[in-house]
Amino acid sequence: MTKRDIGKEIIAGLEEIKAWKRGEKKLRATTIDLPRASDVATIRKHLGLSQEQFASFMGVSVATLRNWEQNRREPRGPARSLLLVAAKQPRAVREAFESSLPATKERRLRRAA
């Protein structure tokens, strides 16, 4: 593994910005489409969670979740990022949700197997 030279990387980045300002270089941009309110119910159902469970996992009230699902309000900020993870990596979200639940006898048995 080679050691990074952060100083050189910063200088190269500044040179790239200068070249862009002079019109000599085009910078690459990446756009990520984050989920909207119209996607929330589908994401939640795909995870197999109730509104109460999903609202708890998202850190919002059930009323807020319902407003999203009924397109009365749009999720904002970190909620949209978490919805993106839930949409793209549902298994990871499901595992995180299940691991946050209090240990039940059934879950302990499944883990032991």
PDB file of N, CA and C in Angstrom:
ATOM      1  N   MET A   1       0.851  -1.181   0.000  1.00  0.00           N
ATOM      2  CA  MET A   1       0.000   0.000   0.000  1.00  0.00           C
ATOM      3  C   MET A   1       0.893   1.239   0.000  1.00  0.00           C
ATOM      4  N   THR A   2       0.619   2.164  -0.918  1.00  0.00           N
ATOM      5  CA  THR A   2       1.419   3.375  -0.994  1.00  0.00           C
ATOM      6  C   THR A   2       0.854   4.426  -0.053  1.00  0.00           C
ATOM      7  N   LYS A   3       1.758   5.218   0.467  1.00  0.00           N
ATOM      8  CA  LYS A   3       1.353   6.275   1.385  1.00  0.00           C
ATOM      9  C   LYS A   3       0.855   7.474   0.578  1.00  0.00           C
ATOM     10  N   ARG A   4      -0.281   8.019   0.987  1.00  0.00           N
ATOM     11  CA  ARG A   4      -0.847   9.180   0.302  1.00  0.00           C
ATOM     12  C   ARG A   4      -0.080  10.436   0.677  1.00  0.00           C
ATOM     13  N   ASP A   5       0.042  11.330  -0.290  1.00  0.00           N
ATOM     14  CA  ASP A   5       0.625  12.643  -0.028  1.00  0.00           C
ATOM     15  C   ASP A   5      -0.510  13.656  -0.141  1.00  0.00           C
ATOM     16  N   ILE A   6      -1.121  13.940   1.002  1.00  0.00           N
ATOM     17  CA  ILE A   6      -2.294  14.823   1.018  1.00  0.00           C
ATOM     18  C   ILE A   6      -1.951  16.207   0.469  1.00  0.00           C
ATOM     19  N   GLY A   7      -0.776  16.688   0.790  1.00  0.00           N
ATOM     20  CA  GLY A   7      -0.363  18.006   0.289  1.00  0.00           C
ATOM     21  C   GLY A   7      -0.383  18.065  -1.226  1.00  0.00           C
ATOM     22  N   LYS A   8       0.198  17.034  -1.871  1.00  0.00           N
ATOM     23  CA  LYS A   8       0.202  16.979  -3.339  1.00  0.00           C
ATOM     24  C   LYS A   8      -1.213  16.881  -3.891  1.00  0.00           C
ATOM     25  N   GLU A   9      -2.065  16.121  -3.214  1.00  0.00           N
ATOM     26  CA  GLU A   9      -3.454  15.982  -3.664  1.00  0.00           C
ATOM     27  C   GLU A   9      -4.185  17.313  -3.598  1.00  0.00           C
ATOM     28  N   ILE A  10      -3.960  18.076  -2.532  1.00  0.00           N
ATOM     29  CA  ILE A  10      -4.605  19.398  -2.391  1.00  0.00           C
ATOM     30  C   ILE A  10      -4.115  20.335  -3.477  1.00  0.00           C
ATOM     31  N   ILE A  11      -2.802  20.360  -3.697  1.00  0.00           N
ATOM     32  CA  ILE A  11      -2.246  21.232  -4.742  1.00  0.00           C
ATOM     33  C   ILE A  11      -2.786  20.840  -6.112  1.00  0.00           C
ATOM     34  N   ALA A  12      -2.858  19.549  -6.400  1.00  0.00           N
ATOM     35  CA  ALA A  12      -3.406  19.091  -7.687  1.00  0.00           C
ATOM     36  C   ALA A  12      -4.867  19.527  -7.829  1.00  0.00           C
ATOM     37  N   GLY A  13      -5.615  19.452  -6.734  1.00  0.00           N
ATOM     38  CA  GLY A  13      -7.015  19.886  -6.775  1.00  0.00           C
ATOM     39  C   GLY A  13      -7.134  21.376  -7.048  1.00  0.00           C
ATOM     40  N   LEU A  14      -6.267  22.168  -6.430  1.00  0.00           N
ATOM     41  CA  LEU A  14      -6.279  23.617  -6.669  1.00  0.00           C
ATOM     42  C   LEU A  14      -5.899  23.938  -8.113  1.00  0.00           C
ATOM     43  N   GLU A  15      -4.922  23.215  -8.654  1.00  0.00           N
ATOM     44  CA  GLU A  15      -4.539  23.405 -10.060  1.00  0.00           C
ATOM     45  C   GLU A  15      -5.705  23.053 -10.984  1.00  0.00           C
ATOM     46  N   GLU A  16      -6.439  21.996 -10.634  1.00  0.00           N
ATOM     47  CA  GLU A  16      -7.604  21.598 -11.426  1.00  0.00           C
ATOM     48  C   GLU A  16      -8.672  22.696 -11.415  1.00  0.00           C
ATOM     49  N   ILE A  17      -8.884  23.313 -10.254  1.00  0.00           N
ATOM     50  CA  ILE A  17      -9.865  24.399 -10.148  1.00  0.00           C
ATOM     51  C   ILE A  17      -9.420  25.595 -10.989  1.00  0.00           C
ATOM     52  N   LYS A  18      -8.129  25.927 -10.942  1.00  0.00           N
ATOM     53  CA  LYS A  18      -7.612  27.038 -11.757  1.00  0.00           C
ATOM     54  C   LYS A  18      -7.843  26.772 -13.247  1.00  0.00           C
ATOM     55  N   ALA A  19      -7.540  25.548 -13.679  1.00  0.00           N
ATOM     56  CA  ALA A  19      -7.735  25.191 -15.092  1.00  0.00           C
ATOM     57  C   ALA A  19      -9.206  25.288 -15.466  1.00  0.00           C
ATOM     58  N   TRP A  20     -10.091  24.890 -14.555  1.00  0.00           N
ATOM     59  CA  TRP A  20     -11.529  24.993 -14.813  1.00  0.00           C
ATOM     60  C   TRP A  20     -11.942  26.450 -14.955  1.00  0.00           C
ATOM     61  N   LYS A  21     -11.433  27.311 -14.067  1.00  0.00           N
ATOM     62  CA  LYS A  21     -11.772  28.738 -14.134  1.00  0.00           C
ATOM     63  C   LYS A  21     -11.297  29.370 -15.436  1.00  0.00           C
ATOM     64  N   ARG A  22     -10.172  28.894 -15.953  1.00  0.00           N
ATOM     65  CA  ARG A  22      -9.660  29.419 -17.233  1.00  0.00           C
ATOM     66  C   ARG A  22     -10.398  28.813 -18.424  1.00  0.00           C
ATOM     67  N   GLY A  23     -11.281  27.865 -18.178  1.00  0.00           N
ATOM     68  CA  GLY A  23     -12.023  27.220 -19.252  1.00  0.00           C
ATOM     69  C   GLY A  23     -11.249  26.110 -19.934  1.00  0.00           C
ATOM     70  N   GLU A  24     -10.173  25.673 -19.339  1.00  0.00           N
ATOM     71  CA  GLU A  24      -9.319  24.647 -19.939  1.00  0.00           C
ATOM     72  C   GLU A  24      -9.745  23.234 -19.554  1.00  0.00           C
ATOM     73  N   LYS A  25     -10.587  23.117 -18.570  1.00  0.00           N
ATOM     74  CA  LYS A  25     -10.939  21.792 -18.073  1.00  0.00           C
ATOM     75  C   LYS A  25     -12.401  21.773 -17.659  1.00  0.00           C
ATOM     76  N   LYS A  26     -13.044  20.651 -17.929  1.00  0.00           N
ATOM     77  CA  LYS A  26     -14.406  20.441 -17.446  1.00  0.00           C
ATOM     78  C   LYS A  26     -14.330  19.558 -16.210  1.00  0.00           C
ATOM     79  N   LEU A  27     -15.041  19.959 -15.179  1.00  0.00           N
ATOM     80  CA  LEU A  27     -15.062  19.162 -13.961  1.00  0.00           C
ATOM     81  C   LEU A  27     -16.195  18.153 -14.031  1.00  0.00           C
ATOM     82  N   ARG A  28     -15.953  17.009 -13.460  1.00  0.00           N
ATOM     83  CA  ARG A  28     -16.956  15.945 -13.438  1.00  0.00           C
ATOM     84  C   ARG A  28     -17.928  16.200 -12.281  1.00  0.00           C
ATOM     85  N   ALA A  29     -19.200  16.071 -12.557  1.00  0.00           N
ATOM     86  CA  ALA A  29     -20.227  16.237 -11.529  1.00  0.00           C
ATOM     87  C   ALA A  29     -21.067  14.967 -11.462  1.00  0.00           C
ATOM     88  N   THR A  30     -21.467  14.625 -10.271  1.00  0.00           N
ATOM     89  CA  THR A  30     -22.294  13.449 -10.068  1.00  0.00           C
ATOM     90  C   THR A  30     -23.593  13.888  -9.408  1.00  0.00           C
ATOM     91  N   THR A  31     -24.695  13.456  -9.965  1.00  0.00           N
ATOM     92  CA  THR A  31     -26.001  13.772  -9.403  1.00  0.00           C
ATOM     93  C   THR A  31     -26.623  12.495  -8.875  1.00  0.00           C
ATOM     94  N   ILE A  32     -27.125  12.561  -7.666  1.00  0.00           N
ATOM     95  CA  ILE A  32     -27.784  11.410  -7.058  1.00  0.00           C
ATOM     96  C   ILE A  32     -29.255  11.745  -6.889  1.00  0.00           C
ATOM     97  N   ASP A  33     -30.098  10.883  -7.414  1.00  0.00           N
ATOM     98  CA  ASP A  33     -31.532  11.071  -7.253  1.00  0.00           C
ATOM     99  C   ASP A  33     -31.959  10.461  -5.924  1.00  0.00           C
ATOM    100  N   LEU A  34     -32.298  11.330  -4.981  1.00  0.00           N
ATOM    101  CA  LEU A  34     -32.748  10.861  -3.677  1.00  0.00           C
ATOM    102  C   LEU A  34     -34.242  10.567  -3.725  1.00  0.00           C
ATOM    103  N   PRO A  35     -34.694   9.620  -2.922  1.00  0.00           N
ATOM    104  CA  PRO A  35     -36.119   9.280  -2.911  1.00  0.00           C
ATOM    105  C   PRO A  35     -36.990  10.482  -2.530  1.00  0.00           C
ATOM    106  N   ARG A  36     -38.192  10.471  -3.065  1.00  0.00           N
ATOM    107  CA  ARG A  36     -39.192  11.517  -2.792  1.00  0.00           C
ATOM    108  C   ARG A  36     -40.307  10.913  -1.946  1.00  0.00           C
ATOM    109  N   ALA A  37     -41.252  11.731  -1.572  1.00  0.00           N
ATOM    110  CA  ALA A  37     -42.388  11.270  -0.772  1.00  0.00           C
ATOM    111  C   ALA A  37     -43.122  10.137  -1.476  1.00  0.00           C
ATOM    112  N   SER A  38     -43.236  10.216  -2.780  1.00  0.00           N
ATOM    113  CA  SER A  38     -43.966   9.198  -3.532  1.00  0.00           C
ATOM    114  C   SER A  38     -43.297   7.825  -3.468  1.00  0.00           C
ATOM    115  N   ASP A  39     -42.043   7.775  -3.022  1.00  0.00           N
ATOM    116  CA  ASP A  39     -41.312   6.506  -2.935  1.00  0.00           C
ATOM    117  C   ASP A  39     -41.387   5.861  -1.545  1.00  0.00           C
ATOM    118  N   VAL A  40     -41.783   6.617  -0.543  1.00  0.00           N
ATOM    119  CA  VAL A  40     -41.684   6.164   0.846  1.00  0.00           C
ATOM    120  C   VAL A  40     -42.490   4.895   1.116  1.00  0.00           C
ATOM    121  N   ALA A  41     -43.740   4.862   0.721  1.00  0.00           N
ATOM    122  CA  ALA A  41     -44.581   3.688   1.004  1.00  0.00           C
ATOM    123  C   ALA A  41     -44.014   2.431   0.349  1.00  0.00           C
ATOM    124  N   THR A  42     -43.529   2.560  -0.866  1.00  0.00           N
ATOM    125  CA  THR A  42     -42.951   1.412  -1.570  1.00  0.00           C
ATOM    126  C   THR A  42     -41.716   0.899  -0.842  1.00  0.00           C
ATOM    127  N   ILE A  43     -40.852   1.811  -0.408  1.00  0.00           N
ATOM    128  CA  ILE A  43     -39.640   1.427   0.319  1.00  0.00           C
ATOM    129  C   ILE A  43     -40.013   0.713   1.612  1.00  0.00           C
ATOM    130  N   ARG A  44     -40.951   1.299   2.360  1.00  0.00           N
ATOM    131  CA  ARG A  44     -41.364   0.717   3.642  1.00  0.00           C
ATOM    132  C   ARG A  44     -41.954  -0.675   3.443  1.00  0.00           C
ATOM    133  N   LYS A  45     -42.828  -0.811   2.457  1.00  0.00           N
ATOM    134  CA  LYS A  45     -43.463  -2.109   2.214  1.00  0.00           C
ATOM    135  C   LYS A  45     -42.444  -3.153   1.758  1.00  0.00           C
ATOM    136  N   HIS A  46     -41.469  -2.722   0.964  1.00  0.00           N
ATOM    137  CA  HIS A  46     -40.431  -3.648   0.507  1.00  0.00           C
ATOM    138  C   HIS A  46     -39.602  -4.175   1.685  1.00  0.00           C
ATOM    139  N   LEU A  47     -39.456  -3.348   2.706  1.00  0.00           N
ATOM    140  CA  LEU A  47     -38.732  -3.773   3.906  1.00  0.00           C
ATOM    141  C   LEU A  47     -39.599  -4.648   4.813  1.00  0.00           C
ATOM    142  N   GLY A  48     -40.905  -4.644   4.564  1.00  0.00           N
ATOM    143  CA  GLY A  48     -41.815  -5.444   5.378  1.00  0.00           C
ATOM    144  C   GLY A  48     -42.053  -4.852   6.753  1.00  0.00           C
ATOM    145  N   LEU A  49     -41.970  -3.520   6.863  1.00  0.00           N
ATOM    146  CA  LEU A  49     -42.154  -2.865   8.156  1.00  0.00           C
ATOM    147  C   LEU A  49     -43.495  -2.141   8.205  1.00  0.00           C
ATOM    148  N   SER A  50     -44.086  -2.093   9.394  1.00  0.00           N
ATOM    149  CA  SER A  50     -45.308  -1.318   9.596  1.00  0.00           C
ATOM    150  C   SER A  50     -44.940   0.169   9.597  1.00  0.00           C
ATOM    151  N   GLN A  51     -45.943   1.015   9.511  1.00  0.00           N
ATOM    152  CA  GLN A  51     -45.680   2.452   9.578  1.00  0.00           C
ATOM    153  C   GLN A  51     -45.009   2.806  10.901  1.00  0.00           C
ATOM    154  N   GLU A  52     -45.469   2.203  11.979  1.00  0.00           N
ATOM    155  CA  GLU A  52     -44.906   2.493  13.299  1.00  0.00           C
ATOM    156  C   GLU A  52     -43.439   2.075  13.373  1.00  0.00           C
ATOM    157  N   GLN A  53     -43.133   0.885  12.866  1.00  0.00           N
ATOM    158  CA  GLN A  53     -41.751   0.402  12.882  1.00  0.00           C
ATOM    159  C   GLN A  53     -40.850   1.271  12.017  1.00  0.00           C
ATOM    160  N   PHE A  54     -41.316   1.591  10.812  1.00  0.00           N
ATOM    161  CA  PHE A  54     -40.497   2.363   9.894  1.00  0.00           C
ATOM    162  C   PHE A  54     -40.287   3.782  10.404  1.00  0.00           C
ATOM    163  N   ALA A  55     -41.336   4.379  10.974  1.00  0.00           N
ATOM    164  CA  ALA A  55     -41.203   5.725  11.538  1.00  0.00           C
ATOM    165  C   ALA A  55     -40.171   5.723  12.659  1.00  0.00           C
ATOM    166  N   SER A  56     -40.225   4.710  13.496  1.00  0.00           N
ATOM    167  CA  SER A  56     -39.257   4.597  14.588  1.00  0.00           C
ATOM    168  C   SER A  56     -37.848   4.465  14.039  1.00  0.00           C
ATOM    169  N   PHE A  57     -37.674   3.622  13.053  1.00  0.00           N
ATOM    170  CA  PHE A  57     -36.358   3.426  12.452  1.00  0.00           C
ATOM    171  C   PHE A  57     -35.845   4.718  11.818  1.00  0.00           C
ATOM    172  N   MET A  58     -36.726   5.461  11.163  1.00  0.00           N
ATOM    173  CA  MET A  58     -36.336   6.705  10.496  1.00  0.00           C
ATOM    174  C   MET A  58     -36.131   7.853  11.482  1.00  0.00           C
ATOM    175  N   GLY A  59     -36.615   7.673  12.708  1.00  0.00           N
ATOM    176  CA  GLY A  59     -36.479   8.730  13.700  1.00  0.00           C
ATOM    177  C   GLY A  59     -37.472   9.852  13.526  1.00  0.00           C
ATOM    178  N   VAL A  60     -38.654   9.517  12.988  1.00  0.00           N
ATOM    179  CA  VAL A  60     -39.711  10.509  12.793  1.00  0.00           C
ATOM    180  C   VAL A  60     -40.992   9.995  13.424  1.00  0.00           C
ATOM    181  N   SER A  61     -41.952  10.871  13.570  1.00  0.00           N
ATOM    182  CA  SER A  61     -43.241  10.453  14.107  1.00  0.00           C
ATOM    183  C   SER A  61     -44.030   9.703  13.033  1.00  0.00           C
ATOM    184  N   VAL A  62     -45.002   8.924  13.480  1.00  0.00           N
ATOM    185  CA  VAL A  62     -45.867   8.215  12.536  1.00  0.00           C
ATOM    186  C   VAL A  62     -46.630   9.229  11.693  1.00  0.00           C
ATOM    187  N   ALA A  63     -47.010  10.345  12.287  1.00  0.00           N
ATOM    188  CA  ALA A  63     -47.725  11.389  11.536  1.00  0.00           C
ATOM    189  C   ALA A  63     -46.856  11.921  10.395  1.00  0.00           C
ATOM    190  N   THR A  64     -45.581  12.131  10.664  1.00  0.00           N
ATOM    191  CA  THR A  64     -44.670  12.602   9.615  1.00  0.00           C
ATOM    192  C   THR A  64     -44.561  11.566   8.506  1.00  0.00           C
ATOM    193  N   LEU A  65     -44.397  10.304   8.883  1.00  0.00           N
ATOM    194  CA  LEU A  65     -44.317   9.241   7.879  1.00  0.00           C
ATOM    195  C   LEU A  65     -45.580   9.203   7.039  1.00  0.00           C
ATOM    196  N   ARG A  66     -46.722   9.309   7.668  1.00  0.00           N
ATOM    197  CA  ARG A  66     -47.990   9.299   6.911  1.00  0.00           C
ATOM    198  C   ARG A  66     -48.077  10.493   5.977  1.00  0.00           C
ATOM    199  N   ASN A  67     -47.619  11.653   6.427  1.00  0.00           N
ATOM    200  CA  ASN A  67     -47.610  12.825   5.546  1.00  0.00           C
ATOM    201  C   ASN A  67     -46.733  12.584   4.323  1.00  0.00           C
ATOM    202  N   TRP A  68     -45.603  11.894   4.511  1.00  0.00           N
ATOM    203  CA  TRP A  68     -44.751  11.559   3.368  1.00  0.00           C
ATOM    204  C   TRP A  68     -45.483  10.605   2.445  1.00  0.00           C
ATOM    205  N   GLU A  69     -46.044   9.547   3.022  1.00  0.00           N
ATOM    206  CA  GLU A  69     -46.687   8.521   2.199  1.00  0.00           C
ATOM    207  C   GLU A  69     -47.908   9.052   1.453  1.00  0.00           C
ATOM    208  N   GLN A  70     -48.537  10.081   1.983  1.00  0.00           N
ATOM    209  CA  GLN A  70     -49.713  10.656   1.328  1.00  0.00           C
ATOM    210  C   GLN A  70     -49.354  11.895   0.505  1.00  0.00           C
ATOM    211  N   ASN A  71     -48.051  12.101   0.286  1.00  0.00           N
ATOM    212  CA  ASN A  71     -47.537  13.207  -0.526  1.00  0.00           C
ATOM    213  C   ASN A  71     -47.953  14.582  -0.037  1.00  0.00           C
ATOM    214  N   ARG A  72     -48.199  14.715   1.255  1.00  0.00           N
ATOM    215  CA  ARG A  72     -48.519  16.029   1.819  1.00  0.00           C
ATOM    216  C   ARG A  72     -47.253  16.775   2.213  1.00  0.00           C
ATOM    217  N   ARG A  73     -46.183  16.031   2.516  1.00  0.00           N
ATOM    218  CA  ARG A  73     -44.891  16.618   2.879  1.00  0.00           C
ATOM    219  C   ARG A  73     -43.789  15.820   2.199  1.00  0.00           C
ATOM    220  N   GLU A  74     -42.666  16.461   1.988  1.00  0.00           N
ATOM    221  CA  GLU A  74     -41.496  15.798   1.404  1.00  0.00           C
ATOM    222  C   GLU A  74     -40.467  15.523   2.494  1.00  0.00           C
ATOM    223  N   PRO A  75     -39.873  14.332   2.485  1.00  0.00           N
ATOM    224  CA  PRO A  75     -38.760  14.099   3.406  1.00  0.00           C
ATOM    225  C   PRO A  75     -37.618  15.040   3.038  1.00  0.00           C
ATOM    226  N   ARG A  76     -36.854  15.452   4.048  1.00  0.00           N
ATOM    227  CA  ARG A  76     -35.770  16.395   3.795  1.00  0.00           C
ATOM    228  C   ARG A  76     -34.485  15.926   4.475  1.00  0.00           C
ATOM    229  N   GLY A  77     -33.384  16.459   4.023  1.00  0.00           N
ATOM    230  CA  GLY A  77     -32.091  16.253   4.650  1.00  0.00           C
ATOM    231  C   GLY A  77     -31.704  14.795   4.813  1.00  0.00           C
ATOM    232  N   PRO A  78     -31.249  14.445   6.019  1.00  0.00           N
ATOM    233  CA  PRO A  78     -30.768  13.091   6.268  1.00  0.00           C
ATOM    234  C   PRO A  78     -31.830  12.013   6.037  1.00  0.00           C
ATOM    235  N   ALA A  79     -33.091  12.355   6.200  1.00  0.00           N
ATOM    236  CA  ALA A  79     -34.155  11.366   5.973  1.00  0.00           C
ATOM    237  C   ALA A  79     -34.129  10.871   4.531  1.00  0.00           C
ATOM    238  N   ARG A  80     -33.877  11.767   3.587  1.00  0.00           N
ATOM    239  CA  ARG A  80     -33.826  11.350   2.180  1.00  0.00           C
ATOM    240  C   ARG A  80     -32.624  10.451   1.923  1.00  0.00           C
ATOM    241  N   SER A  81     -31.510  10.727   2.589  1.00  0.00           N
ATOM    242  CA  SER A  81     -30.332   9.870   2.437  1.00  0.00           C
ATOM    243  C   SER A  81     -30.587   8.483   3.015  1.00  0.00           C
ATOM    244  N   LEU A  82     -31.232   8.438   4.185  1.00  0.00           N
ATOM    245  CA  LEU A  82     -31.547   7.150   4.797  1.00  0.00           C
ATOM    246  C   LEU A  82     -32.548   6.378   3.937  1.00  0.00           C
ATOM    247  N   LEU A  83     -33.493   7.074   3.318  1.00  0.00           N
ATOM    248  CA  LEU A  83     -34.434   6.431   2.406  1.00  0.00           C
ATOM    249  C   LEU A  83     -33.696   5.857   1.193  1.00  0.00           C
ATOM    250  N   LEU A  84     -32.674   6.552   0.723  1.00  0.00           N
ATOM    251  CA  LEU A  84     -31.880   6.046  -0.399  1.00  0.00           C
ATOM    252  C   LEU A  84     -31.192   4.736  -0.009  1.00  0.00           C
ATOM    253  N   VAL A  85     -30.612   4.707   1.177  1.00  0.00           N
ATOM    254  CA  VAL A  85     -29.965   3.478   1.648  1.00  0.00           C
ATOM    255  C   VAL A  85     -31.005   2.366   1.760  1.00  0.00           C
ATOM    256  N   ALA A  86     -32.170   2.687   2.303  1.00  0.00           N
ATOM    257  CA  ALA A  86     -33.231   1.682   2.459  1.00  0.00           C
ATOM    258  C   ALA A  86     -33.685   1.154   1.102  1.00  0.00           C
ATOM    259  N   ALA A  87     -33.718   2.013   0.100  1.00  0.00           N
ATOM    260  CA  ALA A  87     -34.153   1.600  -1.235  1.00  0.00           C
ATOM    261  C   ALA A  87     -33.082   0.770  -1.942  1.00  0.00           C
ATOM    262  N   LYS A  88     -31.816   1.143  -1.777  1.00  0.00           N
ATOM    263  CA  LYS A  88     -30.736   0.485  -2.507  1.00  0.00           C
ATOM    264  C   LYS A  88     -30.130  -0.707  -1.770  1.00  0.00           C
ATOM    265  N   GLN A  89     -30.194  -0.700  -0.454  1.00  0.00           N
ATOM    266  CA  GLN A  89     -29.611  -1.768   0.354  1.00  0.00           C
ATOM    267  C   GLN A  89     -30.608  -2.235   1.417  1.00  0.00           C
ATOM    268  N   PRO A  90     -31.764  -2.740   0.993  1.00  0.00           N
ATOM    269  CA  PRO A  90     -32.803  -3.093   1.967  1.00  0.00           C
ATOM    270  C   PRO A  90     -32.359  -4.151   2.976  1.00  0.00           C
ATOM    271  N   ARG A  91     -31.513  -5.063   2.532  1.00  0.00           N
ATOM    272  CA  ARG A  91     -31.057  -6.109   3.452  1.00  0.00           C
ATOM    273  C   ARG A  91     -30.272  -5.510   4.620  1.00  0.00           C
ATOM    274  N   ALA A  92     -29.385  -4.565   4.320  1.00  0.00           N
ATOM    275  CA  ALA A  92     -28.590  -3.918   5.366  1.00  0.00           C
ATOM    276  C   ALA A  92     -29.479  -3.157   6.333  1.00  0.00           C
ATOM    277  N   VAL A  93     -30.487  -2.480   5.793  1.00  0.00           N
ATOM    278  CA  VAL A  93     -31.408  -1.723   6.643  1.00  0.00           C
ATOM    279  C   VAL A  93     -32.222  -2.671   7.509  1.00  0.00           C
ATOM    280  N   ARG A  94     -32.685  -3.753   6.911  1.00  0.00           N
ATOM    281  CA  ARG A  94     -33.463  -4.746   7.661  1.00  0.00           C
ATOM    282  C   ARG A  94     -32.628  -5.337   8.799  1.00  0.00           C
ATOM    283  N   GLU A  95     -31.374  -5.679   8.512  1.00  0.00           N
ATOM    284  CA  GLU A  95     -30.488  -6.227   9.539  1.00  0.00           C
ATOM    285  C   GLU A  95     -30.232  -5.203  10.648  1.00  0.00           C
ATOM    286  N   ALA A  96     -30.041  -3.954  10.275  1.00  0.00           N
ATOM    287  CA  ALA A  96     -29.820  -2.905  11.272  1.00  0.00           C
ATOM    288  C   ALA A  96     -31.060  -2.735  12.145  1.00  0.00           C
ATOM    289  N   PHE A  97     -32.223  -2.769  11.504  1.00  0.00           N
ATOM    290  CA  PHE A  97     -33.474  -2.635  12.253  1.00  0.00           C
ATOM    291  C   PHE A  97     -33.627  -3.795  13.230  1.00  0.00           C
ATOM    292  N   GLU A  98     -33.424  -5.008  12.741  1.00  0.00           N
ATOM    293  CA  GLU A  98     -33.600  -6.186  13.590  1.00  0.00           C
ATOM    294  C   GLU A  98     -32.591  -6.223  14.729  1.00  0.00           C
ATOM    295  N   SER A  99     -31.374  -5.764  14.464  1.00  0.00           N
ATOM    296  CA  SER A  99     -30.365  -5.793  15.524  1.00  0.00           C
ATOM    297  C   SER A  99     -30.632  -4.743  16.593  1.00  0.00           C
ATOM    298  N   SER A 100     -31.454  -3.752  16.275  1.00  0.00           N
ATOM    299  CA  SER A 100     -31.765  -2.724  17.266  1.00  0.00           C
ATOM    300  C   SER A 100     -32.943  -3.105  18.154  1.00  0.00           C
ATOM    301  N   LEU A 101     -33.657  -4.179  17.795  1.00  0.00           N
ATOM    302  CA  LEU A 101     -34.784  -4.640  18.607  1.00  0.00           C
ATOM    303  C   LEU A 101     -34.266  -5.327  19.863  1.00  0.00           C
ATOM    304  N   PRO A 102     -35.051  -5.277  20.938  1.00  0.00           N
ATOM    305  CA  PRO A 102     -34.643  -6.016  22.137  1.00  0.00           C
ATOM    306  C   PRO A 102     -34.530  -7.504  21.809  1.00  0.00           C
ATOM    307  N   ALA A 103     -33.554  -8.150  22.393  1.00  0.00           N
ATOM    308  CA  ALA A 103     -33.338  -9.577  22.126  1.00  0.00           C
ATOM    309  C   ALA A 103     -34.536 -10.377  22.618  1.00  0.00           C
ATOM    310  N   THR A 104     -35.083 -11.178  21.735  1.00  0.00           N
ATOM    311  CA  THR A 104     -36.175 -12.076  22.102  1.00  0.00           C
ATOM    312  C   THR A 104     -35.624 -13.486  22.073  1.00  0.00           C
ATOM    313  N   LYS A 105     -36.312 -14.377  22.695  1.00  0.00           N
ATOM    314  CA  LYS A 105     -35.867 -15.765  22.726  1.00  0.00           C
ATOM    315  C   LYS A 105     -35.710 -16.290  21.303  1.00  0.00           C
ATOM    316  N   GLU A 106     -36.674 -15.974  20.428  1.00  0.00           N
ATOM    317  CA  GLU A 106     -36.632 -16.445  19.046  1.00  0.00           C
ATOM    318  C   GLU A 106     -35.396 -15.906  18.324  1.00  0.00           C
ATOM    319  N   ARG A 107     -35.082 -14.611  18.489  1.00  0.00           N
ATOM    320  CA  ARG A 107     -33.911 -14.018  17.841  1.00  0.00           C
ATOM    321  C   ARG A 107     -32.620 -14.624  18.388  1.00  0.00           C
ATOM    322  N   ARG A 108     -32.568 -14.861  19.682  1.00  0.00           N
ATOM    323  CA  ARG A 108     -31.380 -15.456  20.265  1.00  0.00           C
ATOM    324  C   ARG A 108     -31.153 -16.849  19.697  1.00  0.00           C
ATOM    325  N   LEU A 109     -32.249 -17.607  19.503  1.00  0.00           N
ATOM    326  CA  LEU A 109     -32.142 -18.954  18.946  1.00  0.00           C
ATOM    327  C   LEU A 109     -31.664 -18.905  17.502  1.00  0.00           C
ATOM    328  N   ARG A 110     -32.198 -17.939  16.709  1.00  0.00           N
ATOM    329  CA  ARG A 110     -31.781 -17.810  15.315  1.00  0.00           C
ATOM    330  C   ARG A 110     -30.303 -17.480  15.220  1.00  0.00           C
ATOM    331  N   ARG A 111     -29.814 -16.600  16.088  1.00  0.00           N
ATOM    332  CA  ARG A 111     -28.401 -16.219  16.070  1.00  0.00           C
ATOM    333  C   ARG A 111     -27.523 -17.397  16.453  1.00  0.00           C
ATOM    334  N   ALA A 112     -27.995 -18.211  17.385  1.00  0.00           N
ATOM    335  CA  ALA A 112     -27.200 -19.352  17.861  1.00  0.00           C
ATOM    336  C   ALA A 112     -27.080 -20.432  16.794  1.00  0.00           C
ATOM    337  N   ALA A 113     -28.038 -20.514  15.899  1.00  0.00           N
ATOM    338  CA  ALA A 113     -28.043 -21.578  14.870  1.00  0.00           C
ATOM    339  C   ALA A 113     -27.041 -21.333  13.786  1.00  0.00           C
TER     340      ALA A 113
END
